[in-house]
Amino acid sequence: MKEQLEAARQATSAAIGVFYDPRQNAEHAGDLQRSHRLKGEMASLMQRAEAWGRAALTADRRDRSEWEAEPEPEEWQSFERRADTLFGA
């Protein structure tokens, strides 16, 4: 839509401020308002995605710190660690 509006502006050689003002450009006023509304929705969705990502990252860090505080089950320990435990290194 943005490209279509810009192509229409260039075809009419209208000034940017005049063309993109819905009060001065009745022919494209609906498209201009729709484009503005869609841009706002996109910004809102991006903010929500960023918040969701931060929340997921925080939860992952919390889970990881809890996991690191617990001792590893024996089957997860490296061979070297088990050997050190068995042979007293």
C-alpha atoms as a PDB file:
ATOM      1  CA  MET A   1       0.000   0.000   0.000  1.00  0.00           C
ATOM      2  CA  LYS A   2       2.851   2.346   0.856  1.00  0.00           C
ATOM      3  CA  GLU A   3       4.416   1.791  -2.559  1.00  0.00           C
ATOM      4  CA  GLN A   4       1.079   2.353  -4.309  1.00  0.00           C
ATOM      5  CA  LEU A   5       0.532   5.629  -2.495  1.00  0.00           C
ATOM      6  CA  GLU A   6       4.038   6.815  -3.289  1.00  0.00           C
ATOM      7  CA  ALA A   7       3.610   5.860  -6.959  1.00  0.00           C
ATOM      8  CA  ALA A   8       0.344   7.824  -7.062  1.00  0.00           C
ATOM      9  CA  ARG A   9       2.066  10.823  -5.463  1.00  0.00           C
ATOM     10  CA  GLN A  10       4.897  10.747  -7.964  1.00  0.00           C
ATOM     11  CA  ALA A  11       2.453  10.370 -10.870  1.00  0.00           C
ATOM     12  CA  THR A  12       0.682  13.560  -9.809  1.00  0.00           C
ATOM     13  CA  SER A  13       3.923  15.363  -8.887  1.00  0.00           C
ATOM     14  CA  ALA A  14       2.237  16.435  -5.646  1.00  0.00           C
ATOM     15  CA  ALA A  15       4.275  17.705  -2.733  1.00  0.00           C
ATOM     16  CA  ILE A  16       4.747  15.132   0.027  1.00  0.00           C
ATOM     17  CA  GLY A  17       3.055  17.245   2.703  1.00  0.00           C
ATOM     18  CA  VAL A  18       0.034  17.919   0.511  1.00  0.00           C
ATOM     19  CA  PHE A  19      -0.392  14.386  -0.851  1.00  0.00           C
ATOM     20  CA  TYR A  20      -0.094  12.600   2.497  1.00  0.00           C
ATOM     21  CA  ASP A  21      -2.518  14.965   4.277  1.00  0.00           C
ATOM     22  CA  PRO A  22      -5.962  13.282   4.108  1.00  0.00           C
ATOM     23  CA  ARG A  23      -7.656  16.682   4.529  1.00  0.00           C
ATOM     24  CA  GLN A  24      -6.009  17.955   1.360  1.00  0.00           C
ATOM     25  CA  ASN A  25      -6.129  14.711  -0.643  1.00  0.00           C
ATOM     26  CA  ALA A  26      -9.722  13.467  -0.555  1.00  0.00           C
ATOM     27  CA  GLU A  27      -9.074  11.005  -3.396  1.00  0.00           C
ATOM     28  CA  HIS A  28      -6.610   8.968  -1.323  1.00  0.00           C
ATOM     29  CA  ALA A  29      -7.831   9.894   2.177  1.00  0.00           C
ATOM     30  CA  GLY A  30      -9.192   6.397   2.900  1.00  0.00           C
ATOM     31  CA  ASP A  31      -5.958   4.705   1.849  1.00  0.00           C
ATOM     32  CA  LEU A  32      -3.885   7.208   3.825  1.00  0.00           C
ATOM     33  CA  GLN A  33      -5.913   6.604   6.977  1.00  0.00           C
ATOM     34  CA  ARG A  34      -5.766   2.840   6.475  1.00  0.00           C
ATOM     35  CA  SER A  35      -1.996   2.978   5.970  1.00  0.00           C
ATOM     36  CA  HIS A  36      -1.601   5.042   9.150  1.00  0.00           C
ATOM     37  CA  ARG A  37      -3.804   2.622  11.121  1.00  0.00           C
ATOM     38  CA  LEU A  38      -1.881  -0.417   9.820  1.00  0.00           C
ATOM     39  CA  LYS A  39       1.422   1.223  10.752  1.00  0.00           C
ATOM     40  CA  GLY A  40       0.116   1.740  14.305  1.00  0.00           C
ATOM     41  CA  GLU A  41      -1.041  -1.880  14.511  1.00  0.00           C
ATOM     42  CA  MET A  42       2.349  -3.078  13.302  1.00  0.00           C
ATOM     43  CA  ALA A  43       4.124  -0.982  15.957  1.00  0.00           C
ATOM     44  CA  SER A  44       1.791  -2.370  18.631  1.00  0.00           C
ATOM     45  CA  LEU A  45       2.435  -5.950  17.516  1.00  0.00           C
ATOM     46  CA  MET A  46       6.188  -5.372  17.556  1.00  0.00           C
ATOM     47  CA  GLN A  47       5.988  -4.012  21.114  1.00  0.00           C
ATOM     48  CA  ARG A  48       3.983  -7.054  22.190  1.00  0.00           C
ATOM     49  CA  ALA A  49       6.492  -9.382  20.521  1.00  0.00           C
ATOM     50  CA  GLU A  50       9.382  -7.628  22.269  1.00  0.00           C
ATOM     51  CA  ALA A  51       7.617  -7.903  25.638  1.00  0.00           C
ATOM     52  CA  TRP A  52       6.853 -11.576  25.005  1.00  0.00           C
ATOM     53  CA  GLY A  53      10.485 -12.207  24.070  1.00  0.00           C
ATOM     54  CA  ARG A  54      11.768 -10.438  27.191  1.00  0.00           C
ATOM     55  CA  ALA A  55       9.373 -12.447  29.383  1.00  0.00           C
ATOM     56  CA  ALA A  56      10.480 -15.706  27.762  1.00  0.00           C
ATOM     57  CA  LEU A  57      14.143 -14.772  28.200  1.00  0.00           C
ATOM     58  CA  THR A  58      13.589 -13.919  31.871  1.00  0.00           C
ATOM     59  CA  ALA A  59      11.761 -17.207  32.466  1.00  0.00           C
ATOM     60  CA  ASP A  60      14.534 -19.114  30.686  1.00  0.00           C
ATOM     61  CA  ARG A  61      17.201 -17.438  32.811  1.00  0.00           C
ATOM     62  CA  ARG A  62      15.240 -18.197  35.983  1.00  0.00           C
ATOM     63  CA  ASP A  63      14.782 -21.840  34.957  1.00  0.00           C
ATOM     64  CA  ARG A  64      18.466 -22.123  34.066  1.00  0.00           C
ATOM     65  CA  SER A  65      19.601 -20.696  37.410  1.00  0.00           C
ATOM     66  CA  GLU A  66      17.303 -23.111  39.256  1.00  0.00           C
ATOM     67  CA  TRP A  67      18.609 -25.982  37.132  1.00  0.00           C
ATOM     68  CA  GLU A  68      22.236 -25.004  37.742  1.00  0.00           C
ATOM     69  CA  ALA A  69      21.615 -24.923  41.495  1.00  0.00           C
ATOM     70  CA  GLU A  70      20.535 -28.578  41.464  1.00  0.00           C
ATOM     71  CA  PRO A  71      23.207 -31.262  41.231  1.00  0.00           C
ATOM     72  CA  GLU A  72      23.360 -33.054  37.907  1.00  0.00           C
ATOM     73  CA  PRO A  73      21.990 -36.583  37.833  1.00  0.00           C
ATOM     74  CA  GLU A  74      24.804 -39.108  37.601  1.00  0.00           C
ATOM     75  CA  GLU A  75      23.957 -40.072  34.020  1.00  0.00           C
ATOM     76  CA  TRP A  76      24.412 -36.426  32.941  1.00  0.00           C
ATOM     77  CA  GLN A  77      27.821 -36.002  34.526  1.00  0.00           C
ATOM     78  CA  SER A  78      30.802 -36.102  32.264  1.00  0.00           C
ATOM     79  CA  PHE A  79      33.001 -39.179  32.156  1.00  0.00           C
ATOM     80  CA  GLU A  80      35.865 -37.225  33.699  1.00  0.00           C
ATOM     81  CA  ARG A  81      33.783 -36.075  36.661  1.00  0.00           C
ATOM     82  CA  ARG A  82      32.551 -39.618  37.341  1.00  0.00           C
ATOM     83  CA  ALA A  83      36.097 -40.966  37.070  1.00  0.00           C
ATOM     84  CA  ASP A  84      37.357 -38.307  39.489  1.00  0.00           C
ATOM     85  CA  THR A  85      34.616 -39.247  41.940  1.00  0.00           C
ATOM     86  CA  LEU A  86      35.354 -42.961  41.678  1.00  0.00           C
ATOM     87  CA  PHE A  87      39.136 -42.739  41.796  1.00  0.00           C
ATOM     88  CA  GLY A  88      39.507 -39.759  44.123  1.00  0.00           C
ATOM     89  CA  ALA A  89      41.230 -37.199  41.944  1.00  0.00           C
END
